[in-house]
Amino acid sequence: MLTAYFHPGYAAPIGQHIMPIRKFGLVADGLRDAPGIKLARPEPVTGRDLLRVHTAEYLEAIKTGEPHDLAQSQKFPWSPELFPSVCLTSGGCLAAARRALQDGVSAALVSGFHHASADHGEGFCTFNGLVVTIDALVAAGEIRTAAVLDMDLHYGNGTAQLAASRPHLFALSLYGNDFWDNFSYRDVSERQHVDGSNHKSFALPAGCDRQTLFEIMDEALPLLAKRKPDVLLYQAGADPYFEDPYSPLALDHDDLLARDRRVFEFTKAHGIPVAWVLAGGYTNDVSKVVRVHLNTFAAWREVYGG
């Protein structure tokens, strides 16, 4: 049985926006009758959980809407519902990681919010739920080390910045767009991320197909095995899909299903507990985004036999 964490409160009212926030509910709808999958509601994270990662000034801005520019630094319109929604999304990620420690694998129907830094948001990311989760587990003595495998189209700059001061965290990103200061750099031959001791990255070239992706994954994934993390958080991005307006890659639904299968084959072979989140995805037809996310569950079933 796979436990996947969902709450209708994940969706803050953001109006007409390129980020299809309703996709989380649509994925949940697609899983309700699926055998071997149980949908569960998480508890929100606490202010204490958030303050391990984010500044008090930033938390106050998200709660109150002031200062206005900071409250909307992630490029969402602020509303009073924003703060409780992002507390729930981080809670979903934390609940899934805890469940993965027990069951070996779990999922949260949330974004990991990998662009969020300590004192501001970026790129539709308010609080960095990945790092909030990892720091909460470390603080509770449930783990000593953790890793993030980020396969969103965009580089997880917030996670990398936060990892730099956290020796217990290793961040690995395979990306097709570098990302900095709320701007997406589509051409990775023009701009690539600079790695640090505990954040490593591999740029996917424009036109990247399945063979090229697998070659890069075969080079990158052993870095995770070398670290032997107590838990892995996997950002299963939908935006590498070739029809996504941000994507320069040549990956279709079958390719992304194969990507997820390869990740799960790796975690299963190395005995690494894994919790995944649903990242990215801006294709105009939201059903195509939902299909990428549902295929991640299909990949889990193929590998783990759910």
Protein backbone atom coordinates (compact mmCIF):
# COMPACT_ATOMS: atom_id res chain seq x y z
CA MET A 1 0.00 0.00 0.00
CA LEU A 2 1.29 3.44 -0.98
CA THR A 3 0.20 6.42 1.10
CA ALA A 4 -0.10 9.67 -0.84
CA TYR A 5 -0.80 12.89 1.06
CA PHE A 6 -3.39 15.33 -0.24
CA HIS A 7 -5.45 18.14 1.25
CA PRO A 8 -7.88 20.44 -0.59
CA GLY A 9 -6.34 23.30 1.36
CA TYR A 10 -3.16 23.00 -0.73
CA ALA A 11 -4.77 25.26 -3.33
CA ALA A 12 -4.61 28.94 -2.37
CA PRO A 13 -6.77 31.30 -4.46
CA ILE A 14 -4.32 32.70 -7.01
CA GLY A 15 -6.76 33.55 -9.80
CA GLN A 16 -5.81 33.15 -13.45
CA HIS A 17 -2.18 32.08 -13.25
CA ILE A 18 0.25 30.07 -15.36
CA MET A 19 0.75 27.76 -12.36
CA PRO A 20 -2.16 25.25 -12.62
CA ILE A 21 -2.79 24.98 -8.89
CA ARG A 22 -5.88 22.85 -9.49
CA LYS A 23 -3.67 20.05 -10.81
CA PHE A 24 -3.15 18.65 -7.30
CA GLY A 25 -6.87 18.01 -6.91
CA LEU A 26 -7.04 16.54 -10.40
CA VAL A 27 -4.22 14.11 -9.60
CA ALA A 28 -6.01 13.16 -6.37
CA ASP A 29 -9.18 12.52 -8.38
CA GLY A 30 -7.20 10.23 -10.67
CA LEU A 31 -5.96 8.19 -7.72
CA ARG A 32 -9.13 7.80 -5.63
CA ASP A 33 -10.09 4.41 -7.06
CA ALA A 34 -6.57 3.20 -7.78
CA PRO A 35 -5.78 -0.12 -6.10
CA GLY A 36 -2.95 -0.11 -3.59
CA ILE A 37 -2.99 3.68 -3.06
CA LYS A 38 -4.42 5.42 -0.01
CA LEU A 39 -4.98 9.17 0.07
CA ALA A 40 -4.34 10.69 3.51
CA ARG A 41 -4.56 14.23 4.86
CA PRO A 42 -1.43 15.74 6.43
CA GLU A 43 -1.17 18.13 9.34
CA PRO A 44 0.31 21.58 8.61
CA VAL A 45 3.87 22.29 9.67
CA THR A 46 4.37 24.56 12.65
CA GLY A 47 5.92 27.99 12.85
CA ARG A 48 8.85 26.35 14.62
CA ASP A 49 9.35 24.04 11.63
CA LEU A 50 9.38 26.99 9.25
CA LEU A 51 11.72 29.09 11.39
CA ARG A 52 14.45 26.45 11.12
CA VAL A 53 14.65 27.39 7.44
CA HIS A 54 13.06 30.80 6.89
CA THR A 55 13.47 34.16 8.58
CA ALA A 56 10.88 35.54 10.99
CA GLU A 57 10.47 38.62 8.78
CA TYR A 58 9.61 36.49 5.77
CA LEU A 59 7.09 34.39 7.72
CA GLU A 60 5.40 37.54 8.96
CA ALA A 61 5.15 38.89 5.40
CA ILE A 62 3.45 35.70 4.19
CA LYS A 63 1.05 35.80 7.16
CA THR A 64 0.11 39.47 6.87
CA GLY A 65 0.79 40.47 3.27
CA GLU A 66 3.25 43.20 4.34
CA PRO A 67 5.67 44.27 3.07
CA HIS A 68 3.76 43.66 -0.14
CA ASP A 69 6.77 42.99 -2.39
CA LEU A 70 8.17 40.37 0.03
CA ALA A 71 4.76 38.73 0.50
CA GLN A 72 4.53 38.33 -3.30
CA SER A 73 8.21 37.61 -3.98
CA GLN A 74 7.25 34.13 -5.20
CA LYS A 75 5.04 35.77 -7.90
CA PHE A 76 1.70 34.68 -6.42
CA PRO A 77 -0.95 37.26 -5.52
CA TRP A 78 -1.08 37.44 -1.72
CA SER A 79 -4.25 36.51 0.17
CA PRO A 80 -4.98 35.51 3.77
CA GLU A 81 -5.32 31.91 2.56
CA LEU A 82 -1.72 31.77 1.33
CA PHE A 83 -0.04 31.11 4.67
CA PRO A 84 -2.27 28.19 5.75
CA SER A 85 -2.02 26.65 2.28
CA VAL A 86 1.78 26.59 2.24
CA CYS A 87 1.86 25.27 5.81
CA LEU A 88 -0.23 22.36 4.53
CA THR A 89 1.94 21.73 1.46
CA SER A 90 5.07 21.55 3.61
CA GLY A 91 3.10 19.33 5.98
CA GLY A 92 2.32 17.00 3.11
CA CYS A 93 5.98 16.73 2.19
CA LEU A 94 6.93 16.06 5.83
CA ALA A 95 4.22 13.43 6.26
CA ALA A 96 5.31 11.66 3.08
CA ALA A 97 8.96 11.60 4.18
CA ARG A 98 7.97 10.15 7.55
CA ARG A 99 5.85 7.52 5.84
CA ALA A 100 8.71 6.65 3.48
CA LEU A 101 10.94 5.98 6.49
CA GLN A 102 8.37 3.38 7.61
CA ASP A 103 7.18 1.94 4.28
CA GLY A 104 10.13 2.60 1.97
CA VAL A 105 8.19 4.84 -0.40
CA SER A 106 5.47 7.50 -0.24
CA ALA A 107 4.21 10.56 -2.12
CA ALA A 108 2.79 14.01 -1.50
CA LEU A 109 0.57 15.75 -4.05
CA VAL A 110 2.41 19.03 -3.51
CA SER A 111 5.24 20.98 -5.05
CA GLY A 112 8.58 20.91 -3.27
CA PHE A 113 8.99 24.69 -3.73
CA HIS A 114 12.66 24.40 -4.57
CA HIS A 115 13.20 28.07 -5.52
CA ALA A 116 12.36 29.42 -2.06
CA SER A 117 15.29 30.78 -0.04
CA ALA A 118 15.57 31.65 3.64
CA ASP A 119 14.35 35.23 3.34
CA HIS A 120 12.18 35.33 0.21
CA GLY A 121 10.31 33.29 -2.38
CA GLU A 122 10.90 32.87 -6.09
CA GLY A 123 9.42 31.06 -9.07
CA PHE A 124 5.99 30.21 -7.55
CA CYS A 125 7.74 28.81 -4.44
CA THR A 126 6.86 30.29 -1.04
CA PHE A 127 8.43 28.06 1.63
CA ASN A 128 11.01 25.42 0.71
CA GLY A 129 9.08 22.35 1.81
CA LEU A 130 11.97 20.04 0.92
CA VAL A 131 14.37 21.65 3.37
CA VAL A 132 11.65 22.31 5.96
CA THR A 133 10.95 18.57 5.89
CA ILE A 134 14.56 17.52 6.16
CA ASP A 135 15.37 19.91 9.00
CA ALA A 136 12.27 18.80 10.92
CA LEU A 137 13.29 15.15 10.64
CA VAL A 138 16.84 15.93 11.72
CA ALA A 139 15.63 18.03 14.66
CA ALA A 140 13.36 15.17 15.79
CA GLY A 141 16.23 12.68 15.61
CA GLU A 142 14.44 10.63 12.94
CA ILE A 143 17.28 10.93 10.41
CA ARG A 144 20.88 12.09 10.31
CA THR A 145 21.24 12.75 6.58
CA ALA A 146 18.97 13.36 3.60
CA ALA A 147 19.17 14.06 -0.10
CA VAL A 148 17.06 15.83 -2.70
CA LEU A 149 16.91 14.56 -6.28
CA ASP A 150 15.50 17.44 -8.28
CA MET A 151 14.29 16.61 -11.78
CA ASP A 152 12.11 19.64 -12.31
CA LEU A 153 12.97 21.45 -15.53
CA HIS A 154 14.33 24.41 -13.57
CA TYR A 155 17.39 24.37 -11.36
CA GLY A 156 16.48 24.35 -7.64
CA ASN A 157 18.45 27.43 -6.66
CA GLY A 158 16.74 27.87 -3.30
CA THR A 159 17.48 24.31 -2.24
CA ALA A 160 21.12 24.72 -3.29
CA GLN A 161 21.49 27.94 -1.31
CA LEU A 162 20.00 26.34 1.78
CA ALA A 163 22.04 23.15 1.35
CA ALA A 164 25.29 25.14 1.43
CA SER A 165 24.93 25.68 5.20
CA ARG A 166 23.53 22.21 5.96
CA PRO A 167 26.09 19.39 5.94
CA HIS A 168 23.29 16.88 6.58
CA LEU A 169 21.71 17.69 3.19
CA PHE A 170 22.89 16.76 -0.30
CA ALA A 171 21.07 18.31 -3.27
CA LEU A 172 21.34 16.83 -6.76
CA SER A 173 19.68 18.61 -9.68
CA LEU A 174 19.25 17.53 -13.31
CA TYR A 175 17.85 20.58 -15.06
CA GLY A 176 17.13 22.03 -18.48
CA ASN A 177 16.78 25.70 -17.40
CA ASP A 178 19.06 27.44 -14.92
CA PHE A 179 17.15 29.69 -12.54
CA TRP A 180 18.28 32.77 -10.67
CA ASP A 181 16.61 35.89 -9.26
CA ASN A 182 13.16 34.87 -10.50
CA PHE A 183 14.38 34.35 -14.06
CA SER A 184 14.54 31.14 -16.05
CA TYR A 185 17.56 30.72 -18.35
CA ARG A 186 16.38 28.43 -21.13
CA ASP A 187 19.78 27.92 -22.81
CA VAL A 188 22.01 25.90 -20.48
CA SER A 189 24.92 26.41 -22.86
CA GLU A 190 24.66 30.11 -21.96
CA ARG A 191 24.24 29.81 -18.19
CA GLN A 192 24.78 26.85 -15.85
CA HIS A 193 24.70 26.52 -12.09
CA VAL A 194 27.96 26.58 -10.12
CA ASP A 195 28.16 23.56 -7.82
CA GLY A 196 29.26 23.41 -4.20
CA SER A 197 30.48 20.64 -1.94
CA ASN A 198 27.00 19.35 -1.13
CA HIS A 199 24.98 20.58 -4.10
CA LYS A 200 25.76 19.08 -7.49
CA SER A 201 24.05 19.54 -10.83
CA PHE A 202 23.90 18.22 -14.38
CA ALA A 203 22.59 20.38 -17.22
CA LEU A 204 20.32 18.73 -19.79
CA PRO A 205 21.10 20.12 -23.25
CA ALA A 206 18.42 21.54 -25.53
CA GLY A 207 16.82 18.70 -27.48
CA CYS A 208 17.64 16.18 -24.73
CA ASP A 209 15.99 12.85 -25.57
CA ARG A 210 15.58 9.69 -23.51
CA GLN A 211 18.98 8.25 -24.39
CA THR A 212 20.77 11.46 -23.43
CA LEU A 213 18.73 11.76 -20.23
CA PHE A 214 19.56 8.19 -19.21
CA GLU A 215 23.25 8.73 -19.89
CA ILE A 216 23.22 11.76 -17.61
CA MET A 217 21.18 9.93 -14.95
CA ASP A 218 23.67 7.06 -15.01
CA GLU A 219 26.42 9.56 -14.24
CA ALA A 220 24.46 11.49 -11.63
CA LEU A 221 22.58 8.91 -9.55
CA PRO A 222 25.69 7.15 -8.18
CA LEU A 223 26.43 10.40 -6.31
CA LEU A 224 23.35 9.65 -4.22
CA ALA A 225 24.41 6.08 -3.53
CA LYS A 226 27.79 7.38 -2.40
CA ARG A 227 26.10 9.66 0.16
CA LYS A 228 23.81 6.91 1.49
CA PRO A 229 21.06 9.29 2.69
CA ASP A 230 18.57 8.14 5.30
CA VAL A 231 15.78 9.44 3.06
CA LEU A 232 15.53 10.83 -0.48
CA LEU A 233 13.06 13.50 -1.55
CA TYR A 234 12.39 13.27 -5.29
CA GLN A 235 11.06 16.24 -7.28
CA ALA A 236 9.26 14.51 -10.13
CA GLY A 237 8.85 17.50 -12.43
CA ALA A 238 6.26 17.63 -15.20
CA ASP A 239 7.79 20.63 -16.96
CA PRO A 240 10.56 18.73 -18.82
CA TYR A 241 7.67 17.59 -21.06
CA PHE A 242 8.33 18.75 -24.63
CA GLU A 243 5.09 20.75 -24.96
CA ASP A 244 5.73 22.76 -21.80
CA PRO A 245 6.24 26.44 -22.70
CA TYR A 246 9.47 26.55 -20.69
CA SER A 247 10.96 23.29 -21.98
CA PRO A 248 13.66 23.03 -24.65
CA LEU A 249 13.80 19.25 -24.15
CA ALA A 250 12.50 16.43 -26.36
CA LEU A 251 10.88 14.25 -23.68
CA ASP A 252 7.33 12.91 -24.09
CA HIS A 253 5.05 11.13 -21.62
CA ASP A 254 6.66 7.75 -22.19
CA ASP A 255 10.12 9.24 -21.67
CA LEU A 256 9.13 10.82 -18.35
CA LEU A 257 7.48 7.57 -17.25
CA ALA A 258 10.78 5.83 -18.05
CA ARG A 259 12.65 8.52 -16.08
CA ASP A 260 10.52 7.86 -13.00
CA ARG A 261 10.87 4.11 -13.39
CA ARG A 262 14.64 4.50 -13.50
CA VAL A 263 14.63 6.60 -10.32
CA PHE A 264 12.56 4.01 -8.47
CA GLU A 265 14.70 1.16 -9.75
CA PHE A 266 17.68 3.01 -8.29
CA THR A 267 16.11 3.70 -4.89
CA LYS A 268 14.84 0.14 -4.59
CA ALA A 269 18.19 -1.39 -5.58
CA HIS A 270 20.04 0.74 -3.02
CA GLY A 271 17.46 0.44 -0.25
CA ILE A 272 16.93 4.22 -0.01
CA PRO A 273 13.54 5.33 1.35
CA VAL A 274 12.01 7.77 -1.14
CA ALA A 275 9.18 10.29 -0.96
CA TRP A 276 8.25 12.16 -4.11
CA VAL A 277 6.46 15.41 -4.83
CA LEU A 278 4.83 16.80 -7.97
CA ALA A 279 6.89 19.63 -9.40
CA GLY A 280 6.44 22.04 -12.30
CA GLY A 281 4.19 21.63 -15.32
CA TYR A 282 2.76 24.59 -17.25
CA THR A 283 1.45 23.02 -20.45
CA ASN A 284 -1.73 24.79 -21.51
CA ASP A 285 -3.69 21.54 -21.49
CA VAL A 286 -3.59 20.69 -17.77
CA SER A 287 -4.61 17.09 -18.50
CA LYS A 288 -1.16 16.55 -20.01
CA VAL A 289 0.46 17.78 -16.79
CA VAL A 290 -1.78 15.50 -14.74
CA ARG A 291 -0.83 12.56 -16.96
CA VAL A 292 2.87 13.08 -16.19
CA HIS A 293 2.11 13.01 -12.46
CA LEU A 294 -0.15 9.97 -12.66
CA ASN A 295 2.55 8.20 -14.65
CA THR A 296 4.91 8.62 -11.68
CA PHE A 297 2.47 6.49 -9.70
CA ALA A 298 2.42 3.99 -12.58
CA ALA A 299 6.23 3.84 -12.44
CA TRP A 300 6.07 3.22 -8.68
CA ARG A 301 3.64 0.37 -9.26
CA GLU A 302 5.87 -1.21 -11.92
CA VAL A 303 8.96 -1.13 -9.72
CA TYR A 304 7.62 -1.65 -6.21
CA GLY A 305 4.76 -3.92 -7.18
CA GLY A 306 1.96 -1.92 -5.60
